[in-house]
Every structure is written in structure tokens, then in C-alpha cells.
Amino acid sequence: MSFQVKCPHCGQVMECMDEWSGKKVRCPACNQVIGLSFEDVPGASLAGELPTLPKQGAPSGTTPQPSPYGTPPSQASSDPEQQRMLLVLSSFSSHLTGAILATIFCCMPIGIVAIVQASRANRFFHAKQYEKAYSTANSAATWEWLAIGLGTLFYFVSLACFILG
């Protein structure tokens, strides 16, 4: 838990940790030494309970720790090349789902080639070989659409032969 203290010298409001009670700290604004005592805690009762206040940021004197989940996209570098790379990486698709559906519903031999290419694209992507991953994913998409096109053509030719007799 934490509590807020107002510096008597400059009026700066600081957020302090409970374990700092009874110790001296330096005000980050005016650099004066302030003694933290039980009386400094607003709303404290004689039972010794400290009020629960919402945190307004990192306490003074501590450095913020990096997130274990990486830098959020909003705090990413302002480098346009790095932003473009993040956008490209976030939109990667190996076309595996389409290849599987094309194999099942359209043309099995060509669909199998599309599945193999999509699997290779996934392996390259997870190995951080992004250029190979994108070129292989594009190849998988080509084989996928070829399977869909030939399957559709075969369907209509079969339908025409059935109707014409």
C-alpha cells in the first residue's frame, strides 16, 4: 500500500510506500529532506491503519521496471522503418487455413502442395527468417488459388457434362 505526502517546503505531492513511514526522504522537486511520520498520512486513524490511495505513478526514488510482456505498440520507437516492420509482422498469414480448405473441397493434389508451402512459411516465420516466410507464404497463396480455380472449373465441367448428357 502507499500514501501521499505533501512537501512542507514546495507543496509537491509525493506518493510514498508504507514501509517508508518513520524514515526521511528527499523531495524530488526541491531536494529538501522530509521526515515521514504517522501524522503525515492523511486520514490515518489511531489504530495505525493507512488509507488506501490509488497509485499515481512510480514512487519517487525508484526506477520503473520494464514490462515482462515487451513494449506496447503505442510506446514503440518513432523510427518509421521499425514501425513498418511491426505492421508487416503483425499482418503475417501463412495461408494454411485456405490451403486446407482448398485441399478438402477443391483439388487435393494441388491443395497438398499449398499445405506444404504454408507449413514451410510458418517454420520460416518462427525461425525469424521473415523474407523467406513471406515469399513462401505468397507461394502457398498461389497454390491455394490454383487449387480453388481448378476445383471450381472441374465442378462446372462435370455439371455441364451431367446436364448435356
N, C-alpha and C. Protein backbone atom coordinates (compact mmCIF):
# COMPACT_ATOMS: atom_id res chain seq x y z
N MET A 1 0.84 -1.18 0.00
CA MET A 1 0.00 0.00 0.00
C MET A 1 0.88 1.24 0.00
N SER A 2 0.26 2.36 -0.28
CA SER A 2 1.02 3.60 -0.33
C SER A 2 0.17 4.74 0.23
N PHE A 3 0.83 5.86 0.49
CA PHE A 3 0.13 7.05 0.97
C PHE A 3 0.79 8.26 0.34
N GLN A 4 0.06 9.36 0.35
CA GLN A 4 0.56 10.59 -0.24
C GLN A 4 0.99 11.57 0.85
N VAL A 5 2.07 12.29 0.56
CA VAL A 5 2.61 13.29 1.49
C VAL A 5 2.86 14.56 0.70
N LYS A 6 2.51 15.69 1.30
CA LYS A 6 2.76 17.00 0.68
C LYS A 6 4.02 17.60 1.30
N CYS A 7 4.96 17.99 0.45
CA CYS A 7 6.20 18.59 0.93
C CYS A 7 5.89 19.94 1.59
N PRO A 8 6.35 20.14 2.84
CA PRO A 8 6.08 21.42 3.51
C PRO A 8 6.87 22.59 2.92
N HIS A 9 7.90 22.30 2.13
CA HIS A 9 8.76 23.36 1.58
C HIS A 9 8.23 23.89 0.25
N CYS A 10 7.84 22.98 -0.66
CA CYS A 10 7.44 23.41 -2.00
C CYS A 10 5.99 23.04 -2.36
N GLY A 11 5.34 22.20 -1.56
CA GLY A 11 3.96 21.82 -1.84
C GLY A 11 3.80 20.66 -2.79
N GLN A 12 4.90 20.05 -3.22
CA GLN A 12 4.85 18.90 -4.12
C GLN A 12 4.21 17.71 -3.41
N VAL A 13 3.24 17.05 -4.08
CA VAL A 13 2.60 15.87 -3.52
C VAL A 13 3.36 14.64 -4.02
N MET A 14 3.78 13.80 -3.06
CA MET A 14 4.54 12.60 -3.40
C MET A 14 3.79 11.37 -2.94
N GLU A 15 3.96 10.28 -3.63
CA GLU A 15 3.38 9.01 -3.22
C GLU A 15 4.48 8.18 -2.56
N CYS A 16 4.24 7.75 -1.33
CA CYS A 16 5.26 7.04 -0.56
C CYS A 16 4.74 5.66 -0.18
N MET A 17 5.66 4.74 -0.05
CA MET A 17 5.32 3.37 0.33
C MET A 17 5.15 3.31 1.85
N ASP A 18 4.32 2.39 2.32
CA ASP A 18 4.06 2.25 3.75
C ASP A 18 5.33 1.99 4.55
N GLU A 19 6.24 1.21 3.99
CA GLU A 19 7.46 0.86 4.73
C GLU A 19 8.39 2.06 4.91
N TRP A 20 8.12 3.18 4.24
CA TRP A 20 8.92 4.38 4.40
C TRP A 20 8.48 5.21 5.61
N SER A 21 7.36 4.84 6.23
CA SER A 21 6.84 5.61 7.36
C SER A 21 7.87 5.63 8.49
N GLY A 22 8.14 6.82 9.04
CA GLY A 22 9.13 6.97 10.08
C GLY A 22 10.53 7.24 9.56
N LYS A 23 10.72 7.26 8.25
CA LYS A 23 12.05 7.49 7.66
C LYS A 23 12.09 8.86 7.01
N LYS A 24 13.27 9.25 6.60
CA LYS A 24 13.45 10.52 5.92
C LYS A 24 13.65 10.27 4.43
N VAL A 25 13.01 11.12 3.62
CA VAL A 25 13.15 11.03 2.16
C VAL A 25 13.47 12.41 1.63
N ARG A 26 13.98 12.44 0.41
CA ARG A 26 14.31 13.72 -0.23
C ARG A 26 13.23 14.05 -1.26
N CYS A 27 12.71 15.26 -1.20
CA CYS A 27 11.68 15.71 -2.15
C CYS A 27 12.30 15.82 -3.54
N PRO A 28 11.69 15.21 -4.56
CA PRO A 28 12.28 15.27 -5.89
C PRO A 28 12.18 16.66 -6.52
N ALA A 29 11.26 17.51 -6.04
CA ALA A 29 11.09 18.83 -6.63
C ALA A 29 12.07 19.86 -6.06
N CYS A 30 12.17 19.95 -4.72
CA CYS A 30 13.01 20.98 -4.11
C CYS A 30 14.28 20.43 -3.48
N ASN A 31 14.42 19.12 -3.42
CA ASN A 31 15.61 18.45 -2.91
C ASN A 31 15.79 18.63 -1.40
N GLN A 32 14.72 18.97 -0.68
CA GLN A 32 14.77 19.12 0.77
C GLN A 32 14.46 17.78 1.43
N VAL A 33 15.02 17.55 2.63
CA VAL A 33 14.78 16.31 3.36
C VAL A 33 13.49 16.45 4.15
N ILE A 34 12.63 15.42 4.04
CA ILE A 34 11.34 15.41 4.72
C ILE A 34 11.27 14.17 5.58
N GLY A 35 10.84 14.32 6.82
CA GLY A 35 10.64 13.17 7.69
C GLY A 35 9.20 12.67 7.55
N LEU A 36 9.04 11.40 7.25
CA LEU A 36 7.70 10.82 7.12
C LEU A 36 7.30 10.23 8.46
N SER A 37 6.20 10.71 9.00
CA SER A 37 5.72 10.17 10.26
C SER A 37 4.25 9.80 10.10
N PHE A 38 3.70 9.18 11.13
CA PHE A 38 2.32 8.73 11.10
C PHE A 38 1.37 9.91 10.90
N GLU A 39 1.75 11.10 11.41
CA GLU A 39 0.89 12.27 11.29
C GLU A 39 0.83 12.78 9.86
N ASP A 40 1.84 12.45 9.03
CA ASP A 40 1.86 12.90 7.64
C ASP A 40 0.82 12.19 6.79
N VAL A 41 0.34 11.06 7.25
CA VAL A 41 -0.57 10.25 6.46
C VAL A 41 -1.98 10.80 6.62
N PRO A 42 -2.58 11.37 5.56
CA PRO A 42 -3.92 11.93 5.70
C PRO A 42 -4.95 10.84 5.92
N GLY A 43 -5.86 11.05 6.87
CA GLY A 43 -6.93 10.11 7.11
C GLY A 43 -6.52 8.91 7.94
N ALA A 44 -5.34 8.89 8.53
CA ALA A 44 -4.91 7.73 9.32
C ALA A 44 -5.61 7.76 10.67
N SER A 45 -5.96 6.61 11.15
CA SER A 45 -6.63 6.52 12.45
C SER A 45 -5.61 6.17 13.52
N LEU A 46 -6.01 6.24 14.76
CA LEU A 46 -5.11 5.91 15.85
C LEU A 46 -4.76 4.43 15.88
N ALA A 47 -5.56 3.59 15.24
CA ALA A 47 -5.29 2.16 15.21
C ALA A 47 -4.08 1.86 14.33
N GLY A 48 -3.60 2.82 13.61
CA GLY A 48 -2.40 2.63 12.80
C GLY A 48 -2.69 2.20 11.37
N GLU A 49 -3.93 2.22 10.94
CA GLU A 49 -4.24 1.82 9.57
C GLU A 49 -3.96 2.98 8.64
N LEU A 50 -3.44 2.66 7.49
CA LEU A 50 -3.15 3.69 6.49
C LEU A 50 -4.24 3.66 5.43
N PRO A 51 -4.63 4.82 4.91
CA PRO A 51 -5.67 4.84 3.88
C PRO A 51 -5.17 4.22 2.58
N THR A 52 -6.08 3.65 1.84
CA THR A 52 -5.73 3.09 0.54
C THR A 52 -5.97 4.16 -0.51
N LEU A 53 -4.90 4.59 -1.15
CA LEU A 53 -5.00 5.62 -2.17
C LEU A 53 -4.60 5.03 -3.51
N PRO A 54 -5.21 5.50 -4.60
CA PRO A 54 -4.79 4.99 -5.91
C PRO A 54 -3.39 5.47 -6.25
N LYS A 55 -2.63 4.62 -6.90
CA LYS A 55 -1.27 4.98 -7.29
C LYS A 55 -1.32 5.95 -8.45
N GLN A 56 -0.44 6.94 -8.41
CA GLN A 56 -0.38 7.93 -9.47
C GLN A 56 0.88 7.78 -10.29
N GLY A 57 1.60 6.73 -10.15
CA GLY A 57 2.85 6.53 -10.87
C GLY A 57 3.86 5.88 -9.97
N ALA A 58 5.09 5.82 -10.41
CA ALA A 58 6.14 5.22 -9.62
C ALA A 58 6.51 6.14 -8.47
N PRO A 59 6.76 5.59 -7.26
CA PRO A 59 7.17 6.41 -6.13
C PRO A 59 8.51 7.08 -6.43
N SER A 60 8.73 8.23 -5.79
CA SER A 60 9.99 8.93 -6.03
C SER A 60 11.15 8.09 -5.52
N GLY A 61 12.26 8.16 -6.24
CA GLY A 61 13.44 7.42 -5.82
C GLY A 61 13.52 6.02 -6.40
N THR A 62 12.52 5.59 -7.13
CA THR A 62 12.57 4.26 -7.74
C THR A 62 12.59 4.41 -9.26
N THR A 63 13.14 3.46 -9.91
CA THR A 63 13.13 3.46 -11.37
C THR A 63 12.06 2.51 -11.86
N PRO A 64 11.31 2.89 -12.89
CA PRO A 64 10.27 1.99 -13.40
C PRO A 64 10.89 0.74 -14.00
N GLN A 65 10.27 -0.39 -13.73
CA GLN A 65 10.75 -1.67 -14.23
C GLN A 65 10.14 -1.93 -15.62
N PRO A 66 10.90 -2.53 -16.53
CA PRO A 66 10.35 -2.84 -17.85
C PRO A 66 9.29 -3.93 -17.73
N SER A 67 8.32 -3.86 -18.61
CA SER A 67 7.24 -4.84 -18.61
C SER A 67 7.78 -6.18 -19.09
N PRO A 68 7.36 -7.29 -18.47
CA PRO A 68 7.82 -8.60 -18.94
C PRO A 68 7.18 -8.98 -20.28
N TYR A 69 6.18 -8.20 -20.72
CA TYR A 69 5.48 -8.50 -21.97
C TYR A 69 5.99 -7.68 -23.13
N GLY A 70 7.05 -6.93 -22.96
CA GLY A 70 7.60 -6.13 -24.05
C GLY A 70 7.01 -4.73 -24.06
N THR A 71 7.45 -3.94 -25.00
CA THR A 71 6.99 -2.56 -25.14
C THR A 71 5.66 -2.54 -25.87
N PRO A 72 4.66 -1.86 -25.32
CA PRO A 72 3.38 -1.77 -26.03
C PRO A 72 3.58 -1.04 -27.36
N PRO A 73 2.75 -1.34 -28.36
CA PRO A 73 2.91 -0.69 -29.66
C PRO A 73 2.83 0.83 -29.58
N SER A 74 2.07 1.39 -28.62
CA SER A 74 1.96 2.84 -28.51
C SER A 74 3.27 3.47 -28.04
N GLN A 75 4.13 2.68 -27.36
CA GLN A 75 5.39 3.21 -26.87
C GLN A 75 6.57 2.73 -27.73
N ALA A 76 6.28 2.20 -28.87
CA ALA A 76 7.33 1.69 -29.75
C ALA A 76 8.16 2.85 -30.29
N SER A 77 9.26 2.51 -30.89
CA SER A 77 10.16 3.51 -31.43
C SER A 77 9.46 4.37 -32.48
N SER A 78 9.91 5.62 -32.59
CA SER A 78 9.34 6.51 -33.60
C SER A 78 10.01 6.32 -34.95
N ASP A 79 10.93 5.37 -35.06
CA ASP A 79 11.59 5.07 -36.31
C ASP A 79 10.57 4.52 -37.31
N PRO A 80 10.37 5.17 -38.46
CA PRO A 80 9.35 4.71 -39.41
C PRO A 80 9.64 3.31 -39.95
N GLU A 81 10.90 2.96 -40.12
CA GLU A 81 11.24 1.62 -40.62
C GLU A 81 10.84 0.55 -39.61
N GLN A 82 11.08 0.81 -38.32
CA GLN A 82 10.71 -0.16 -37.29
C GLN A 82 9.19 -0.26 -37.18
N GLN A 83 8.48 0.86 -37.30
CA GLN A 83 7.02 0.82 -37.26
C GLN A 83 6.46 0.04 -38.45
N ARG A 84 7.07 0.21 -39.64
CA ARG A 84 6.63 -0.54 -40.81
C ARG A 84 6.86 -2.03 -40.61
N MET A 85 7.99 -2.39 -40.01
CA MET A 85 8.30 -3.79 -39.76
C MET A 85 7.31 -4.40 -38.77
N LEU A 86 6.94 -3.65 -37.71
CA LEU A 86 5.95 -4.13 -36.76
C LEU A 86 4.61 -4.37 -37.44
N LEU A 87 4.22 -3.45 -38.34
CA LEU A 87 2.96 -3.61 -39.06
C LEU A 87 3.00 -4.83 -39.97
N VAL A 88 4.11 -5.02 -40.66
CA VAL A 88 4.25 -6.17 -41.56
C VAL A 88 4.23 -7.48 -40.76
N LEU A 89 4.92 -7.52 -39.63
CA LEU A 89 4.96 -8.74 -38.83
C LEU A 89 3.61 -9.06 -38.21
N SER A 90 2.86 -8.02 -37.85
CA SER A 90 1.56 -8.27 -37.23
C SER A 90 0.53 -8.74 -38.25
N SER A 91 0.78 -8.54 -39.54
CA SER A 91 -0.19 -8.94 -40.55
C SER A 91 0.23 -10.20 -41.31
N PHE A 92 1.15 -10.98 -40.76
CA PHE A 92 1.63 -12.18 -41.44
C PHE A 92 0.56 -13.26 -41.47
N SER A 93 0.39 -13.90 -42.62
CA SER A 93 -0.52 -15.03 -42.78
C SER A 93 0.18 -16.06 -43.66
N SER A 94 0.21 -17.30 -43.20
CA SER A 94 0.86 -18.35 -43.99
C SER A 94 -0.12 -18.99 -44.96
N HIS A 95 -1.40 -18.66 -44.89
CA HIS A 95 -2.45 -19.20 -45.77
C HIS A 95 -2.70 -20.68 -45.54
N LEU A 96 -2.40 -21.16 -44.33
CA LEU A 96 -2.59 -22.58 -44.04
C LEU A 96 -4.08 -22.96 -44.02
N THR A 97 -4.92 -22.13 -43.46
CA THR A 97 -6.35 -22.43 -43.40
C THR A 97 -6.94 -22.54 -44.79
N GLY A 98 -6.63 -21.58 -45.64
CA GLY A 98 -7.14 -21.61 -47.01
C GLY A 98 -6.62 -22.82 -47.77
N ALA A 99 -5.36 -23.18 -47.53
CA ALA A 99 -4.79 -24.35 -48.21
C ALA A 99 -5.50 -25.63 -47.79
N ILE A 100 -5.81 -25.75 -46.51
CA ILE A 100 -6.51 -26.94 -46.03
C ILE A 100 -7.91 -27.00 -46.63
N LEU A 101 -8.62 -25.88 -46.65
CA LEU A 101 -9.97 -25.87 -47.22
C LEU A 101 -9.95 -26.14 -48.72
N ALA A 102 -8.96 -25.61 -49.43
CA ALA A 102 -8.83 -25.87 -50.86
C ALA A 102 -8.54 -27.34 -51.12
N THR A 103 -7.78 -27.98 -50.24
CA THR A 103 -7.48 -29.41 -50.38
C THR A 103 -8.74 -30.24 -50.17
N ILE A 104 -9.51 -29.90 -49.16
CA ILE A 104 -10.70 -30.69 -48.84
C ILE A 104 -11.79 -30.51 -49.89
N PHE A 105 -12.07 -29.28 -50.29
CA PHE A 105 -13.23 -29.01 -51.12
C PHE A 105 -12.95 -28.85 -52.61
N CYS A 106 -11.73 -28.65 -53.01
CA CYS A 106 -11.49 -28.31 -54.42
C CYS A 106 -10.60 -29.32 -55.14
N CYS A 107 -9.32 -29.24 -54.92
CA CYS A 107 -8.39 -30.07 -55.69
C CYS A 107 -7.31 -30.60 -54.77
N MET A 108 -7.38 -31.88 -54.44
CA MET A 108 -6.50 -32.46 -53.45
C MET A 108 -5.01 -32.40 -53.82
N PRO A 109 -4.60 -32.81 -55.03
CA PRO A 109 -3.15 -32.80 -55.31
C PRO A 109 -2.50 -31.42 -55.21
N ILE A 110 -3.16 -30.42 -55.75
CA ILE A 110 -2.59 -29.07 -55.71
C ILE A 110 -2.75 -28.48 -54.31
N GLY A 111 -3.81 -28.81 -53.61
CA GLY A 111 -4.02 -28.34 -52.25
C GLY A 111 -2.95 -28.85 -51.29
N ILE A 112 -2.48 -30.07 -51.53
CA ILE A 112 -1.41 -30.62 -50.68
C ILE A 112 -0.13 -29.81 -50.84
N VAL A 113 0.16 -29.39 -52.06
CA VAL A 113 1.33 -28.54 -52.29
C VAL A 113 1.16 -27.22 -51.54
N ALA A 114 -0.05 -26.67 -51.55
CA ALA A 114 -0.31 -25.42 -50.83
C ALA A 114 -0.11 -25.60 -49.32
N ILE A 115 -0.55 -26.76 -48.78
CA ILE A 115 -0.37 -27.02 -47.34
C ILE A 115 1.12 -27.11 -47.01
N VAL A 116 1.88 -27.78 -47.83
CA VAL A 116 3.33 -27.92 -47.58
C VAL A 116 3.99 -26.54 -47.60
N GLN A 117 3.63 -25.71 -48.58
CA GLN A 117 4.22 -24.36 -48.66
C GLN A 117 3.83 -23.51 -47.45
N ALA A 118 2.58 -23.61 -47.01
CA ALA A 118 2.13 -22.85 -45.85
C ALA A 118 2.86 -23.31 -44.58
N SER A 119 3.08 -24.60 -44.45
CA SER A 119 3.82 -25.12 -43.28
C SER A 119 5.26 -24.62 -43.28
N ARG A 120 5.87 -24.61 -44.46
CA ARG A 120 7.23 -24.07 -44.57
C ARG A 120 7.27 -22.59 -44.19
N ALA A 121 6.24 -21.84 -44.62
CA ALA A 121 6.18 -20.41 -44.28
C ALA A 121 6.10 -20.21 -42.78
N ASN A 122 5.31 -21.04 -42.11
CA ASN A 122 5.22 -20.95 -40.64
C ASN A 122 6.57 -21.24 -39.99
N ARG A 123 7.27 -22.25 -40.49
CA ARG A 123 8.59 -22.58 -39.92
C ARG A 123 9.57 -21.44 -40.11
N PHE A 124 9.58 -20.83 -41.30
CA PHE A 124 10.48 -19.71 -41.56
C PHE A 124 10.12 -18.52 -40.66
N PHE A 125 8.83 -18.27 -40.48
CA PHE A 125 8.41 -17.13 -39.66
C PHE A 125 8.85 -17.31 -38.21
N HIS A 126 8.66 -18.50 -37.66
CA HIS A 126 9.05 -18.74 -36.27
C HIS A 126 10.56 -18.81 -36.09
N ALA A 127 11.29 -19.04 -37.18
CA ALA A 127 12.76 -19.01 -37.14
C ALA A 127 13.29 -17.60 -37.40
N LYS A 128 12.37 -16.62 -37.51
CA LYS A 128 12.69 -15.21 -37.74
C LYS A 128 13.39 -14.98 -39.08
N GLN A 129 13.09 -15.81 -40.04
CA GLN A 129 13.56 -15.62 -41.41
C GLN A 129 12.38 -15.04 -42.20
N TYR A 130 12.12 -13.75 -41.98
CA TYR A 130 10.88 -13.14 -42.43
C TYR A 130 10.77 -13.04 -43.95
N GLU A 131 11.87 -12.78 -44.64
CA GLU A 131 11.79 -12.68 -46.11
C GLU A 131 11.44 -14.02 -46.73
N LYS A 132 12.07 -15.08 -46.26
CA LYS A 132 11.73 -16.42 -46.76
C LYS A 132 10.29 -16.77 -46.39
N ALA A 133 9.86 -16.38 -45.20
CA ALA A 133 8.50 -16.68 -44.76
C ALA A 133 7.48 -16.02 -45.68
N TYR A 134 7.70 -14.75 -46.02
CA TYR A 134 6.74 -14.06 -46.87
C TYR A 134 6.73 -14.60 -48.30
N SER A 135 7.90 -14.91 -48.83
CA SER A 135 7.91 -15.45 -50.20
C SER A 135 7.27 -16.84 -50.24
N THR A 136 7.50 -17.66 -49.22
CA THR A 136 6.89 -18.99 -49.17
C THR A 136 5.39 -18.88 -48.94
N ALA A 137 4.95 -17.92 -48.12
CA ALA A 137 3.52 -17.72 -47.90
C ALA A 137 2.84 -17.25 -49.18
N ASN A 138 3.51 -16.42 -49.96
CA ASN A 138 2.95 -16.00 -51.25
C ASN A 138 2.84 -17.18 -52.20
N SER A 139 3.81 -18.07 -52.17
CA SER A 139 3.75 -19.28 -52.97
C SER A 139 2.59 -20.17 -52.54
N ALA A 140 2.38 -20.28 -51.24
CA ALA A 140 1.25 -21.07 -50.72
C ALA A 140 -0.07 -20.47 -51.18
N ALA A 141 -0.17 -19.14 -51.18
CA ALA A 141 -1.40 -18.48 -51.64
C ALA A 141 -1.64 -18.75 -53.12
N THR A 142 -0.57 -18.75 -53.91
CA THR A 142 -0.71 -19.04 -55.34
C THR A 142 -1.22 -20.46 -55.55
N TRP A 143 -0.63 -21.42 -54.86
CA TRP A 143 -1.08 -22.82 -54.99
C TRP A 143 -2.51 -22.98 -54.47
N GLU A 144 -2.85 -22.25 -53.42
CA GLU A 144 -4.21 -22.31 -52.87
C GLU A 144 -5.23 -21.84 -53.90
N TRP A 145 -4.98 -20.69 -54.52
CA TRP A 145 -5.92 -20.17 -55.51
C TRP A 145 -5.95 -21.02 -56.77
N LEU A 146 -4.84 -21.63 -57.12
CA LEU A 146 -4.82 -22.55 -58.26
C LEU A 146 -5.70 -23.76 -57.96
N ALA A 147 -5.62 -24.28 -56.75
CA ALA A 147 -6.46 -25.42 -56.36
C ALA A 147 -7.93 -25.04 -56.37
N ILE A 148 -8.25 -23.84 -55.88
CA ILE A 148 -9.65 -23.39 -55.89
C ILE A 148 -10.14 -23.21 -57.31
N GLY A 149 -9.33 -22.60 -58.15
CA GLY A 149 -9.72 -22.38 -59.55
C GLY A 149 -9.93 -23.68 -60.30
N LEU A 150 -8.99 -24.62 -60.18
CA LEU A 150 -9.13 -25.90 -60.89
C LEU A 150 -10.29 -26.72 -60.33
N GLY A 151 -10.50 -26.67 -59.03
CA GLY A 151 -11.63 -27.38 -58.43
C GLY A 151 -12.95 -26.84 -58.91
N THR A 152 -13.05 -25.49 -58.99
CA THR A 152 -14.28 -24.86 -59.48
C THR A 152 -14.49 -25.19 -60.96
N LEU A 153 -13.44 -25.13 -61.75
CA LEU A 153 -13.53 -25.47 -63.18
C LEU A 153 -13.99 -26.93 -63.34
N PHE A 154 -13.41 -27.82 -62.60
CA PHE A 154 -13.79 -29.23 -62.67
C PHE A 154 -15.27 -29.42 -62.29
N TYR A 155 -15.71 -28.69 -61.28
CA TYR A 155 -17.11 -28.78 -60.84
C TYR A 155 -18.04 -28.36 -61.97
N PHE A 156 -17.77 -27.21 -62.62
CA PHE A 156 -18.66 -26.73 -63.68
C PHE A 156 -18.59 -27.61 -64.93
N VAL A 157 -17.44 -28.15 -65.26
CA VAL A 157 -17.34 -29.07 -66.40
C VAL A 157 -18.13 -30.34 -66.10
N SER A 158 -18.03 -30.85 -64.89
CA SER A 158 -18.79 -32.05 -64.50
C SER A 158 -20.29 -31.76 -64.55
N LEU A 159 -20.71 -30.59 -64.08
CA LEU A 159 -22.11 -30.21 -64.11
C LEU A 159 -22.62 -30.08 -65.54
N ALA A 160 -21.82 -29.49 -66.42
CA ALA A 160 -22.21 -29.34 -67.82
C ALA A 160 -22.32 -30.72 -68.49
N CYS A 161 -21.39 -31.62 -68.20
CA CYS A 161 -21.46 -32.97 -68.78
C CYS A 161 -22.68 -33.72 -68.28
N PHE A 162 -23.04 -33.53 -67.03
CA PHE A 162 -24.22 -34.20 -66.47
C PHE A 162 -25.49 -33.67 -67.10
N ILE A 163 -25.59 -32.36 -67.30
CA ILE A 163 -26.79 -31.76 -67.87
C ILE A 163 -26.91 -32.09 -69.35
N LEU A 164 -25.80 -31.99 -70.08
CA LEU A 164 -25.85 -32.22 -71.53
C LEU A 164 -25.88 -33.72 -71.85
N GLY A 165 -25.56 -34.52 -70.95
CA GLY A 165 -25.77 -35.91 -71.06
C GLY A 165 -24.87 -36.81 -71.71
